[in-house]
Every structure is written in structure tokens, then in C-alpha cells.
Amino acid sequence: MSVRLRVWRQKNSQDEGGFEDYEAARLSPDMSFLEMLDVVNEGLQRDGGDPIAFDSDCREGICGMCCLVIDGVPHGPGQGTTTCQIYMRSFDNGATITIEPWRARAFPVLRDL
């Protein structure tokens, strides 16, 4: 499957930031959302670009470090899940997915997501 990503990019906490578009292709529907971001980052690094910065720790739905806003919904589609528990099968092939940081005073944006 493939999706188009609109990703919030921000160089540091002082930067205004904005959305950048990326294509993610040859994805498995069984891939987690964070694994998909890893694949995108591998391509960016291979092409000499800066990887998308995002937090994650356990990737098991325990710690909550992976909190993102996906298509305007905290943690994305799915009830009672964290971002790392979202799988690409939750999205339609060819979908455009908007990814933003979790904006809260307790979680200031340091870079990107």
C-alpha cells in the first residue's frame, strides 16, 4: 500500500514550522504507524535529507511517548490505543494522512513531532 503524508516539521522550539509532504510506498498493512515513519526516515536519510524527529520508547502501548495527532485525532484512529498500536491497515490505500505533534504546555515541541 502507499499513502501521502502531510508532516509537521519544525527545526526547534523557536521555529514557526509548517507542513511538508512525503510519499510512503510499498508499505505492509501489518506495519505499525511508527514502523511506517521509520521507513520514510530511512528513505530521507538515504537521499541526504533530515529524518522526521518523533518520540517513541517502548512501542508496546505502555509508555505514551509516541503521542501524535493523526488526522486531527489524538493517537489517530482507534479507541483506547496509543500511536504505536495503530497499524497501516487502519488507513485506505492512497490516503493522505496529516501528522502533527501533540501540542500541550507539558509537551513542548522541540523538533518536528
PDB file of N, CA and C in Angstrom:
ATOM      1  N   MET A   1       0.838  -1.175   0.000  1.00  0.00           N
ATOM      2  CA  MET A   1       0.000   0.000   0.000  1.00  0.00           C
ATOM      3  C   MET A   1       0.883   1.239   0.000  1.00  0.00           C
ATOM      4  N   SER A   2       0.303   2.366  -0.339  1.00  0.00           N
ATOM      5  CA  SER A   2       1.037   3.628  -0.303  1.00  0.00           C
ATOM      6  C   SER A   2       0.113   4.714   0.234  1.00  0.00           C
ATOM      7  N   VAL A   3       0.727   5.700   0.879  1.00  0.00           N
ATOM      8  CA  VAL A   3      -0.012   6.836   1.429  1.00  0.00           C
ATOM      9  C   VAL A   3       0.793   8.108   1.199  1.00  0.00           C
ATOM     10  N   ARG A   4       0.091   9.210   1.238  1.00  0.00           N
ATOM     11  CA  ARG A   4       0.738  10.519   1.181  1.00  0.00           C
ATOM     12  C   ARG A   4       0.694  11.081   2.596  1.00  0.00           C
ATOM     13  N   LEU A   5       1.803  11.625   3.052  1.00  0.00           N
ATOM     14  CA  LEU A   5       1.895  12.174   4.403  1.00  0.00           C
ATOM     15  C   LEU A   5       2.049  13.684   4.365  1.00  0.00           C
ATOM     16  N   ARG A   6       1.295  14.369   5.202  1.00  0.00           N
ATOM     17  CA  ARG A   6       1.483  15.797   5.476  1.00  0.00           C
ATOM     18  C   ARG A   6       2.028  15.851   6.892  1.00  0.00           C
ATOM     19  N   VAL A   7       3.321  16.117   7.020  1.00  0.00           N
ATOM     20  CA  VAL A   7       4.005  16.021   8.308  1.00  0.00           C
ATOM     21  C   VAL A   7       4.418  17.403   8.791  1.00  0.00           C
ATOM     22  N   TRP A   8       4.126  17.694  10.055  1.00  0.00           N
ATOM     23  CA  TRP A   8       4.570  18.936  10.667  1.00  0.00           C
ATOM     24  C   TRP A   8       6.077  18.852  10.887  1.00  0.00           C
ATOM     25  N   ARG A   9       6.815  19.810  10.322  1.00  0.00           N
ATOM     26  CA  ARG A   9       8.269  19.886  10.511  1.00  0.00           C
ATOM     27  C   ARG A   9       8.597  21.201  11.193  1.00  0.00           C
ATOM     28  N   GLN A  10       9.460  21.137  12.174  1.00  0.00           N
ATOM     29  CA  GLN A  10       9.842  22.314  12.945  1.00  0.00           C
ATOM     30  C   GLN A  10      11.280  22.116  13.407  1.00  0.00           C
ATOM     31  N   LYS A  11      12.170  23.046  13.044  1.00  0.00           N
ATOM     32  CA  LYS A  11      13.598  22.876  13.327  1.00  0.00           C
ATOM     33  C   LYS A  11      13.922  22.914  14.811  1.00  0.00           C
ATOM     34  N   ASN A  12      13.214  23.757  15.559  1.00  0.00           N
ATOM     35  CA  ASN A  12      13.440  23.872  17.001  1.00  0.00           C
ATOM     36  C   ASN A  12      12.226  24.538  17.636  1.00  0.00           C
ATOM     37  N   SER A  13      12.274  24.734  18.937  1.00  0.00           N
ATOM     38  CA  SER A  13      11.114  25.286  19.640  1.00  0.00           C
ATOM     39  C   SER A  13      10.832  26.736  19.277  1.00  0.00           C
ATOM     40  N   GLN A  14      11.805  27.441  18.704  1.00  0.00           N
ATOM     41  CA  GLN A  14      11.626  28.845  18.324  1.00  0.00           C
ATOM     42  C   GLN A  14      11.107  28.997  16.890  1.00  0.00           C
ATOM     43  N   ASP A  15      11.239  27.967  16.084  1.00  0.00           N
ATOM     44  CA  ASP A  15      10.837  27.995  14.677  1.00  0.00           C
ATOM     45  C   ASP A  15       9.315  27.908  14.552  1.00  0.00           C
ATOM     46  N   GLU A  16       8.756  28.619  13.571  1.00  0.00           N
ATOM     47  CA  GLU A  16       7.308  28.559  13.344  1.00  0.00           C
ATOM     48  C   GLU A  16       6.868  27.189  12.856  1.00  0.00           C
ATOM     49  N   GLY A  17       7.640  26.567  12.016  1.00  0.00           N
ATOM     50  CA  GLY A  17       7.306  25.254  11.487  1.00  0.00           C
ATOM     51  C   GLY A  17       6.225  25.304  10.426  1.00  0.00           C
ATOM     52  N   GLY A  18       5.963  24.164   9.817  1.00  0.00           N
ATOM     53  CA  GLY A  18       4.941  24.048   8.785  1.00  0.00           C
ATOM     54  C   GLY A  18       4.878  22.623   8.269  1.00  0.00           C
ATOM     55  N   PHE A  19       3.915  22.371   7.401  1.00  0.00           N
ATOM     56  CA  PHE A  19       3.728  21.029   6.859  1.00  0.00           C
ATOM     57  C   PHE A  19       4.611  20.793   5.641  1.00  0.00           C
ATOM     58  N   GLU A  20       5.134  19.574   5.543  1.00  0.00           N
ATOM     59  CA  GLU A  20       5.853  19.116   4.360  1.00  0.00           C
ATOM     60  C   GLU A  20       5.203  17.809   3.923  1.00  0.00           C
ATOM     61  N   ASP A  21       5.195  17.575   2.624  1.00  0.00           N
ATOM     62  CA  ASP A  21       4.549  16.387   2.065  1.00  0.00           C
ATOM     63  C   ASP A  21       5.573  15.316   1.714  1.00  0.00           C
ATOM     64  N   TYR A  22       5.193  14.072   1.969  1.00  0.00           N
ATOM     65  CA  TYR A  22       6.034  12.920   1.671  1.00  0.00           C
ATOM     66  C   TYR A  22       5.161  11.805   1.115  1.00  0.00           C
ATOM     67  N   GLU A  23       5.767  10.953   0.318  1.00  0.00           N
ATOM     68  CA  GLU A  23       5.102   9.753  -0.182  1.00  0.00           C
ATOM     69  C   GLU A  23       5.707   8.555   0.546  1.00  0.00           C
ATOM     70  N   ALA A  24       4.855   7.660   0.991  1.00  0.00           N
ATOM     71  CA  ALA A  24       5.312   6.415   1.605  1.00  0.00           C
ATOM     72  C   ALA A  24       4.728   5.275   0.778  1.00  0.00           C
ATOM     73  N   ALA A  25       5.598   4.505   0.142  1.00  0.00           N
ATOM     74  CA  ALA A  25       5.153   3.450  -0.773  1.00  0.00           C
ATOM     75  C   ALA A  25       5.653   2.087  -0.305  1.00  0.00           C
ATOM     76  N   ARG A  26       5.076   1.057  -0.908  1.00  0.00           N
ATOM     77  CA  ARG A  26       5.444  -0.331  -0.613  1.00  0.00           C
ATOM     78  C   ARG A  26       5.351  -0.639   0.885  1.00  0.00           C
ATOM     79  N   LEU A  27       4.254  -0.183   1.483  1.00  0.00           N
ATOM     80  CA  LEU A  27       4.024  -0.417   2.906  1.00  0.00           C
ATOM     81  C   LEU A  27       3.186  -1.674   3.099  1.00  0.00           C
ATOM     82  N   SER A  28       3.453  -2.381   4.163  1.00  0.00           N
ATOM     83  CA  SER A  28       2.618  -3.522   4.534  1.00  0.00           C
ATOM     84  C   SER A  28       1.458  -3.019   5.396  1.00  0.00           C
ATOM     85  N   PRO A  29       0.251  -3.504   5.167  1.00  0.00           N
ATOM     86  CA  PRO A  29      -0.870  -3.124   6.028  1.00  0.00           C
ATOM     87  C   PRO A  29      -0.654  -3.547   7.484  1.00  0.00           C
ATOM     88  N   ASP A  30       0.235  -4.525   7.706  1.00  0.00           N
ATOM     89  CA  ASP A  30       0.515  -5.014   9.056  1.00  0.00           C
ATOM     90  C   ASP A  30       1.618  -4.226   9.757  1.00  0.00           C
ATOM     91  N   MET A  31       2.146  -3.223   9.086  1.00  0.00           N
ATOM     92  CA  MET A  31       3.189  -2.373   9.640  1.00  0.00           C
ATOM     93  C   MET A  31       2.557  -1.390  10.626  1.00  0.00           C
ATOM     94  N   SER A  32       3.222  -1.143  11.749  1.00  0.00           N
ATOM     95  CA  SER A  32       2.707  -0.142  12.681  1.00  0.00           C
ATOM     96  C   SER A  32       2.944   1.257  12.111  1.00  0.00           C
ATOM     97  N   PHE A  33       2.229   2.224  12.643  1.00  0.00           N
ATOM     98  CA  PHE A  33       2.375   3.604  12.185  1.00  0.00           C
ATOM     99  C   PHE A  33       3.814   4.083  12.385  1.00  0.00           C
ATOM    100  N   LEU A  34       4.417   3.743  13.522  1.00  0.00           N
ATOM    101  CA  LEU A  34       5.798   4.161  13.777  1.00  0.00           C
ATOM    102  C   LEU A  34       6.783   3.439  12.861  1.00  0.00           C
ATOM    103  N   GLU A  35       6.514   2.187  12.523  1.00  0.00           N
ATOM    104  CA  GLU A  35       7.362   1.485  11.557  1.00  0.00           C
ATOM    105  C   GLU A  35       7.283   2.168  10.198  1.00  0.00           C
ATOM    106  N   MET A  36       6.105   2.652   9.836  1.00  0.00           N
ATOM    107  CA  MET A  36       5.955   3.393   8.577  1.00  0.00           C
ATOM    108  C   MET A  36       6.816   4.653   8.616  1.00  0.00           C
ATOM    109  N   LEU A  37       6.797   5.377   9.744  1.00  0.00           N
ATOM    110  CA  LEU A  37       7.650   6.566   9.858  1.00  0.00           C
ATOM    111  C   LEU A  37       9.128   6.189   9.784  1.00  0.00           C
ATOM    112  N   ASP A  38       9.501   5.040  10.343  1.00  0.00           N
ATOM    113  CA  ASP A  38      10.885   4.561  10.232  1.00  0.00           C
ATOM    114  C   ASP A  38      11.270   4.348   8.768  1.00  0.00           C
ATOM    115  N   VAL A  39      10.375   3.765   7.980  1.00  0.00           N
ATOM    116  CA  VAL A  39      10.634   3.529   6.556  1.00  0.00           C
ATOM    117  C   VAL A  39      10.809   4.862   5.824  1.00  0.00           C
ATOM    118  N   VAL A  40       9.947   5.825   6.112  1.00  0.00           N
ATOM    119  CA  VAL A  40      10.064   7.155   5.498  1.00  0.00           C
ATOM    120  C   VAL A  40      11.409   7.771   5.875  1.00  0.00           C
ATOM    121  N   ASN A  41      11.796   7.662   7.141  1.00  0.00           N
ATOM    122  CA  ASN A  41      13.068   8.229   7.587  1.00  0.00           C
ATOM    123  C   ASN A  41      14.267   7.559   6.924  1.00  0.00           C
ATOM    124  N   GLU A  42      14.203   6.261   6.719  1.00  0.00           N
ATOM    125  CA  GLU A  42      15.291   5.567   6.019  1.00  0.00           C
ATOM    126  C   GLU A  42      15.465   6.140   4.620  1.00  0.00           C
ATOM    127  N   GLY A  43      14.360   6.384   3.929  1.00  0.00           N
ATOM    128  CA  GLY A  43      14.425   6.980   2.594  1.00  0.00           C
ATOM    129  C   GLY A  43      14.965   8.398   2.627  1.00  0.00           C
ATOM    130  N   LEU A  44      14.531   9.187   3.602  1.00  0.00           N
ATOM    131  CA  LEU A  44      15.031  10.563   3.718  1.00  0.00           C
ATOM    132  C   LEU A  44      16.536  10.567   3.957  1.00  0.00           C
ATOM    133  N   GLN A  45      17.001   9.718   4.860  1.00  0.00           N
ATOM    134  CA  GLN A  45      18.432   9.662   5.152  1.00  0.00           C
ATOM    135  C   GLN A  45      19.225   9.148   3.954  1.00  0.00           C
ATOM    136  N   ARG A  46      18.699   8.166   3.259  1.00  0.00           N
ATOM    137  CA  ARG A  46      19.373   7.626   2.072  1.00  0.00           C
ATOM    138  C   ARG A  46      19.551   8.709   1.013  1.00  0.00           C
ATOM    139  N   ASP A  47      18.547   9.618   0.924  1.00  0.00           N
ATOM    140  CA  ASP A  47      18.594  10.696  -0.060  1.00  0.00           C
ATOM    141  C   ASP A  47      19.269  11.961   0.464  1.00  0.00           C
ATOM    142  N   GLY A  48      19.869  11.892   1.660  1.00  0.00           N
ATOM    143  CA  GLY A  48      20.589  13.032   2.218  1.00  0.00           C
ATOM    144  C   GLY A  48      19.722  14.040   2.951  1.00  0.00           C
ATOM    145  N   GLY A  49      18.477  13.691   3.241  1.00  0.00           N
ATOM    146  CA  GLY A  49      17.573  14.597   3.948  1.00  0.00           C
ATOM    147  C   GLY A  49      17.593  14.371   5.447  1.00  0.00           C
ATOM    148  N   ASP A  50      16.950  15.272   6.157  1.00  0.00           N
ATOM    149  CA  ASP A  50      16.826  15.148   7.604  1.00  0.00           C
ATOM    150  C   ASP A  50      15.653  14.237   7.939  1.00  0.00           C
ATOM    151  N   PRO A  51      15.870  13.259   8.821  1.00  0.00           N
ATOM    152  CA  PRO A  51      14.760  12.391   9.211  1.00  0.00           C
ATOM    153  C   PRO A  51      13.725  13.166  10.024  1.00  0.00           C
ATOM    154  N   ILE A  52      12.514  12.680  10.019  1.00  0.00           N
ATOM    155  CA  ILE A  52      11.434  13.258  10.817  1.00  0.00           C
ATOM    156  C   ILE A  52      11.671  12.856  12.268  1.00  0.00           C
ATOM    157  N   ALA A  53      11.782  13.846  13.152  1.00  0.00           N
ATOM    158  CA  ALA A  53      12.019  13.571  14.570  1.00  0.00           C
ATOM    159  C   ALA A  53      10.692  13.285  15.265  1.00  0.00           C
ATOM    160  N   PHE A  54      10.648  12.183  15.996  1.00  0.00           N
ATOM    161  CA  PHE A  54       9.469  11.848  16.801  1.00  0.00           C
ATOM    162  C   PHE A  54       9.910  10.998  17.979  1.00  0.00           C
ATOM    163  N   ASP A  55       9.155  11.090  19.066  1.00  0.00           N
ATOM    164  CA  ASP A  55       9.465  10.320  20.265  1.00  0.00           C
ATOM    165  C   ASP A  55       8.784   8.967  20.224  1.00  0.00           C
ATOM    166  N   SER A  56       9.478   7.985  20.725  1.00  0.00           N
ATOM    167  CA  SER A  56       8.891   6.673  20.993  1.00  0.00           C
ATOM    168  C   SER A  56       9.852   5.976  21.937  1.00  0.00           C
ATOM    169  N   ASP A  57       9.326   5.101  22.729  1.00  0.00           N
ATOM    170  CA  ASP A  57      10.183   4.392  23.662  1.00  0.00           C
ATOM    171  C   ASP A  57       9.874   2.903  23.608  1.00  0.00           C
ATOM    172  N   CYS A  58       8.783   2.500  24.220  1.00  0.00           N
ATOM    173  CA  CYS A  58       8.514   1.068  24.339  1.00  0.00           C
ATOM    174  C   CYS A  58       7.918   0.449  23.076  1.00  0.00           C
ATOM    175  N   ARG A  59       7.171   1.229  22.311  1.00  0.00           N
ATOM    176  CA  ARG A  59       6.463   0.745  21.119  1.00  0.00           C
ATOM    177  C   ARG A  59       5.550  -0.441  21.432  1.00  0.00           C
ATOM    178  N   GLU A  60       5.067  -0.475  22.664  1.00  0.00           N
ATOM    179  CA  GLU A  60       4.169  -1.543  23.102  1.00  0.00           C
ATOM    180  C   GLU A  60       2.874  -1.004  23.700  1.00  0.00           C
ATOM    181  N   GLY A  61       2.631   0.309  23.597  1.00  0.00           N
ATOM    182  CA  GLY A  61       1.404   0.884  24.119  1.00  0.00           C
ATOM    183  C   GLY A  61       1.408   1.133  25.611  1.00  0.00           C
ATOM    184  N   ILE A  62       2.593   1.173  26.206  1.00  0.00           N
ATOM    185  CA  ILE A  62       2.683   1.314  27.656  1.00  0.00           C
ATOM    186  C   ILE A  62       3.093   2.723  28.083  1.00  0.00           C
ATOM    187  N   CYS A  63       4.130   3.274  27.465  1.00  0.00           N
ATOM    188  CA  CYS A  63       4.749   4.497  27.990  1.00  0.00           C
ATOM    189  C   CYS A  63       4.067   5.799  27.565  1.00  0.00           C
ATOM    190  N   GLY A  64       3.441   5.847  26.396  1.00  0.00           N
ATOM    191  CA  GLY A  64       2.783   7.065  25.925  1.00  0.00           C
ATOM    192  C   GLY A  64       3.696   8.079  25.263  1.00  0.00           C
ATOM    193  N   MET A  65       4.974   7.771  25.092  1.00  0.00           N
ATOM    194  CA  MET A  65       5.922   8.705  24.474  1.00  0.00           C
ATOM    195  C   MET A  65       5.598   8.994  23.013  1.00  0.00           C
ATOM    196  N   CYS A  66       4.860   8.128  22.372  1.00  0.00           N
ATOM    197  CA  CYS A  66       4.613   8.232  20.934  1.00  0.00           C
ATOM    198  C   CYS A  66       3.399   9.093  20.586  1.00  0.00           C
ATOM    199  N   CYS A  67       2.902   9.875  21.522  1.00  0.00           N
ATOM    200  CA  CYS A  67       1.664  10.621  21.269  1.00  0.00           C
ATOM    201  C   CYS A  67       1.819  11.597  20.099  1.00  0.00           C
ATOM    202  N   LEU A  68       0.999  11.390  19.078  1.00  0.00           N
ATOM    203  CA  LEU A  68       0.922  12.251  17.904  1.00  0.00           C
ATOM    204  C   LEU A  68      -0.544  12.549  17.640  1.00  0.00           C
ATOM    205  N   VAL A  69      -0.805  13.575  16.859  1.00  0.00           N
ATOM    206  CA  VAL A  69      -2.161  13.854  16.402  1.00  0.00           C
ATOM    207  C   VAL A  69      -2.210  13.437  14.935  1.00  0.00           C
ATOM    208  N   ILE A  70      -3.056  12.466  14.627  1.00  0.00           N
ATOM    209  CA  ILE A  70      -3.156  11.901  13.284  1.00  0.00           C
ATOM    210  C   ILE A  70      -4.526  12.239  12.720  1.00  0.00           C
ATOM    211  N   ASP A  71      -4.524  12.983  11.625  1.00  0.00           N
ATOM    212  CA  ASP A  71      -5.778  13.430  11.004  1.00  0.00           C
ATOM    213  C   ASP A  71      -6.687  14.127  12.014  1.00  0.00           C
ATOM    214  N   GLY A  72      -6.072  14.925  12.893  1.00  0.00           N
ATOM    215  CA  GLY A  72      -6.827  15.713  13.861  1.00  0.00           C
ATOM    216  C   GLY A  72      -7.286  14.965  15.097  1.00  0.00           C
ATOM    217  N   VAL A  73      -6.917  13.690  15.211  1.00  0.00           N
ATOM    218  CA  VAL A  73      -7.351  12.866  16.337  1.00  0.00           C
ATOM    219  C   VAL A  73      -6.130  12.460  17.165  1.00  0.00           C
ATOM    220  N   PRO A  74      -6.131  12.742  18.487  1.00  0.00           N
ATOM    221  CA  PRO A  74      -5.014  12.290  19.316  1.00  0.00           C
ATOM    222  C   PRO A  74      -4.811  10.786  19.188  1.00  0.00           C
ATOM    223  N   HIS A  75      -3.604  10.375  18.918  1.00  0.00           N
ATOM    224  CA  HIS A  75      -3.188   8.982  18.725  1.00  0.00           C
ATOM    225  C   HIS A  75      -3.750   8.348  17.458  1.00  0.00           C
ATOM    226  N   GLY A  76      -4.604   9.034  16.725  1.00  0.00           N
ATOM    227  CA  GLY A  76      -5.122   8.512  15.467  1.00  0.00           C
ATOM    228  C   GLY A  76      -6.366   7.664  15.615  1.00  0.00           C
ATOM    229  N   PRO A  77      -6.716   6.931  14.544  1.00  0.00           N
ATOM    230  CA  PRO A  77      -7.948   6.138  14.566  1.00  0.00           C
ATOM    231  C   PRO A  77      -7.829   4.989  15.565  1.00  0.00           C
ATOM    232  N   GLY A  78      -8.904   4.670  16.177  1.00  0.00           N
ATOM    233  CA  GLY A  78      -8.894   3.564  17.140  1.00  0.00           C
ATOM    234  C   GLY A  78      -9.175   4.070  18.536  1.00  0.00           C
ATOM    235  N   GLN A  79     -10.006   3.366  19.231  1.00  0.00           N
ATOM    236  CA  GLN A  79     -10.365   3.733  20.596  1.00  0.00           C
ATOM    237  C   GLN A  79      -9.392   3.111  21.591  1.00  0.00           C
ATOM    238  N   GLY A  80      -8.960   3.895  22.561  1.00  0.00           N
ATOM    239  CA  GLY A  80      -8.145   3.373  23.646  1.00  0.00           C
ATOM    240  C   GLY A  80      -6.795   2.841  23.231  1.00  0.00           C
ATOM    241  N   THR A  81      -6.204   3.414  22.184  1.00  0.00           N
ATOM    242  CA  THR A  81      -4.890   2.959  21.725  1.00  0.00           C
ATOM    243  C   THR A  81      -3.906   4.118  21.736  1.00  0.00           C
ATOM    244  N   THR A  82      -2.652   3.784  21.695  1.00  0.00           N
ATOM    245  CA  THR A  82      -1.603   4.780  21.517  1.00  0.00           C
ATOM    246  C   THR A  82      -1.157   4.736  20.057  1.00  0.00           C
ATOM    247  N   THR A  83      -0.382   5.728  19.644  1.00  0.00           N
ATOM    248  CA  THR A  83       0.049   5.800  18.249  1.00  0.00           C
ATOM    249  C   THR A  83       0.799   4.536  17.819  1.00  0.00           C
ATOM    250  N   CYS A  84       1.616   3.988  18.708  1.00  0.00           N
ATOM    251  CA  CYS A  84       2.396   2.804  18.325  1.00  0.00           C
ATOM    252  C   CYS A  84       1.532   1.564  18.132  1.00  0.00           C
ATOM    253  N   GLN A  85       0.281   1.611  18.575  1.00  0.00           N
ATOM    254  CA  GLN A  85      -0.623   0.475  18.405  1.00  0.00           C
ATOM    255  C   GLN A  85      -1.511   0.614  17.171  1.00  0.00           C
ATOM    256  N   ILE A  86      -1.319   1.680  16.406  1.00  0.00           N
ATOM    257  CA  ILE A  86      -2.069   1.893  15.172  1.00  0.00           C
ATOM    258  C   ILE A  86      -1.320   1.197  14.034  1.00  0.00           C
ATOM    259  N   TYR A  87      -2.040   0.464  13.217  1.00  0.00           N
ATOM    260  CA  TYR A  87      -1.438  -0.228  12.079  1.00  0.00           C
ATOM    261  C   TYR A  87      -1.905   0.400  10.781  1.00  0.00           C
ATOM    262  N   MET A  88      -1.114   0.251   9.752  1.00  0.00           N
ATOM    263  CA  MET A  88      -1.415   0.888   8.473  1.00  0.00           C
ATOM    264  C   MET A  88      -2.709   0.367   7.861  1.00  0.00           C
ATOM    265  N   ARG A  89      -3.170  -0.795   8.264  1.00  0.00           N
ATOM    266  CA  ARG A  89      -4.455  -1.299   7.774  1.00  0.00           C
ATOM    267  C   ARG A  89      -5.622  -0.424   8.229  1.00  0.00           C
ATOM    268  N   SER A  90      -5.359   0.496   9.166  1.00  0.00           N
ATOM    269  CA  SER A  90      -6.389   1.442   9.622  1.00  0.00           C
ATOM    270  C   SER A  90      -6.640   2.549   8.606  1.00  0.00           C
ATOM    271  N   PHE A  91      -5.792   2.634   7.572  1.00  0.00           N
ATOM    272  CA  PHE A  91      -5.881   3.697   6.571  1.00  0.00           C
ATOM    273  C   PHE A  91      -6.137   3.089   5.197  1.00  0.00           C
ATOM    274  N   ASP A  92      -6.799   3.853   4.346  1.00  0.00           N
ATOM    275  CA  ASP A  92      -7.045   3.410   2.976  1.00  0.00           C
ATOM    276  C   ASP A  92      -5.789   3.557   2.130  1.00  0.00           C
ATOM    277  N   ASN A  93      -5.590   2.638   1.204  1.00  0.00           N
ATOM    278  CA  ASN A  93      -4.507   2.765   0.244  1.00  0.00           C
ATOM    279  C   ASN A  93      -4.691   4.075  -0.520  1.00  0.00           C
ATOM    280  N   GLY A  94      -3.638   4.860  -0.631  1.00  0.00           N
ATOM    281  CA  GLY A  94      -3.695   6.136  -1.333  1.00  0.00           C
ATOM    282  C   GLY A  94      -4.172   7.300  -0.483  1.00  0.00           C
ATOM    283  N   ALA A  95      -4.454   7.059   0.786  1.00  0.00           N
ATOM    284  CA  ALA A  95      -4.955   8.116   1.674  1.00  0.00           C
ATOM    285  C   ALA A  95      -3.895   9.185   1.915  1.00  0.00           C
ATOM    286  N   THR A  96      -4.357  10.383   2.235  1.00  0.00           N
ATOM    287  CA  THR A  96      -3.482  11.445   2.721  1.00  0.00           C
ATOM    288  C   THR A  96      -3.652  11.495   4.231  1.00  0.00           C
ATOM    289  N   ILE A  97      -2.538  11.371   4.950  1.00  0.00           N
ATOM    290  CA  ILE A  97      -2.553  11.341   6.409  1.00  0.00           C
ATOM    291  C   ILE A  97      -1.808  12.569   6.922  1.00  0.00           C
ATOM    292  N   THR A  98      -2.465  13.347   7.764  1.00  0.00           N
ATOM    293  CA  THR A  98      -1.855  14.532   8.359  1.00  0.00           C
ATOM    294  C   THR A  98      -1.351  14.172   9.754  1.00  0.00           C
ATOM    295  N   ILE A  99      -0.068  14.466  10.003  1.00  0.00           N
ATOM    296  CA  ILE A  99       0.566  14.112  11.273  1.00  0.00           C
ATOM    297  C   ILE A  99       1.103  15.385  11.919  1.00  0.00           C
ATOM    298  N   GLU A 100       0.669  15.624  13.146  1.00  0.00           N
ATOM    299  CA  GLU A 100       1.087  16.810  13.887  1.00  0.00           C
ATOM    300  C   GLU A 100       1.574  16.406  15.272  1.00  0.00           C
ATOM    301  N   PRO A 101       2.356  17.286  15.909  1.00  0.00           N
ATOM    302  CA  PRO A 101       2.762  16.997  17.285  1.00  0.00           C
ATOM    303  C   PRO A 101       1.587  17.160  18.242  1.00  0.00           C
ATOM    304  N   TRP A 102       1.708  16.535  19.377  1.00  0.00           N
ATOM    305  CA  TRP A 102       0.752  16.710  20.462  1.00  0.00           C
ATOM    306  C   TRP A 102       1.124  18.034  21.112  1.00  0.00           C
ATOM    307  N   ARG A 103       0.317  19.052  20.897  1.00  0.00           N
ATOM    308  CA  ARG A 103       0.647  20.388  21.403  1.00  0.00           C
ATOM    309  C   ARG A 103       0.018  20.592  22.777  1.00  0.00           C
ATOM    310  N   ALA A 104       0.863  20.616  23.777  1.00  0.00           N
ATOM    311  CA  ALA A 104       0.427  20.848  25.151  1.00  0.00           C
ATOM    312  C   ALA A 104       1.581  21.500  25.900  1.00  0.00           C
ATOM    313  N   ARG A 105       1.252  22.328  26.854  1.00  0.00           N
ATOM    314  CA  ARG A 105       2.300  23.011  27.620  1.00  0.00           C
ATOM    315  C   ARG A 105       3.265  22.003  28.240  1.00  0.00           C
ATOM    316  N   ALA A 106       2.741  20.882  28.687  1.00  0.00           N
ATOM    317  CA  ALA A 106       3.588  19.858  29.313  1.00  0.00           C
ATOM    318  C   ALA A 106       4.484  19.138  28.307  1.00  0.00           C
ATOM    319  N   PHE A 107       4.136  19.223  27.018  1.00  0.00           N
ATOM    320  CA  PHE A 107       4.908  18.554  25.967  1.00  0.00           C
ATOM    321  C   PHE A 107       5.293  19.561  24.891  1.00  0.00           C
ATOM    322  N   PRO A 108       6.247  20.457  25.173  1.00  0.00           N
ATOM    323  CA  PRO A 108       6.614  21.450  24.158  1.00  0.00           C
ATOM    324  C   PRO A 108       7.254  20.784  22.939  1.00  0.00           C
ATOM    325  N   VAL A 109       7.002  21.365  21.770  1.00  0.00           N
ATOM    326  CA  VAL A 109       7.590  20.840  20.541  1.00  0.00           C
ATOM    327  C   VAL A 109       9.051  21.273  20.493  1.00  0.00           C
ATOM    328  N   LEU A 110       9.949  20.307  20.508  1.00  0.00           N
ATOM    329  CA  LEU A 110      11.376  20.600  20.425  1.00  0.00           C
ATOM    330  C   LEU A 110      11.843  20.554  18.983  1.00  0.00           C
ATOM    331  N   ARG A 111      11.341  19.587  18.240  1.00  0.00           N
ATOM    332  CA  ARG A 111      11.663  19.437  16.820  1.00  0.00           C
ATOM    333  C   ARG A 111      10.637  18.503  16.184  1.00  0.00           C
ATOM    334  N   ASP A 112      10.083  18.903  15.071  1.00  0.00           N
ATOM    335  CA  ASP A 112       9.117  18.100  14.312  1.00  0.00           C
ATOM    336  C   ASP A 112       7.965  17.620  15.196  1.00  0.00           C
ATOM    337  N   LEU A 113       7.835  16.311  15.315  1.00  0.00           N
ATOM    338  CA  LEU A 113       6.689  15.738  16.014  1.00  0.00           C
ATOM    339  C   LEU A 113       7.005  15.497  17.473  1.00  0.00           C
TER     340      LEU A 113
END
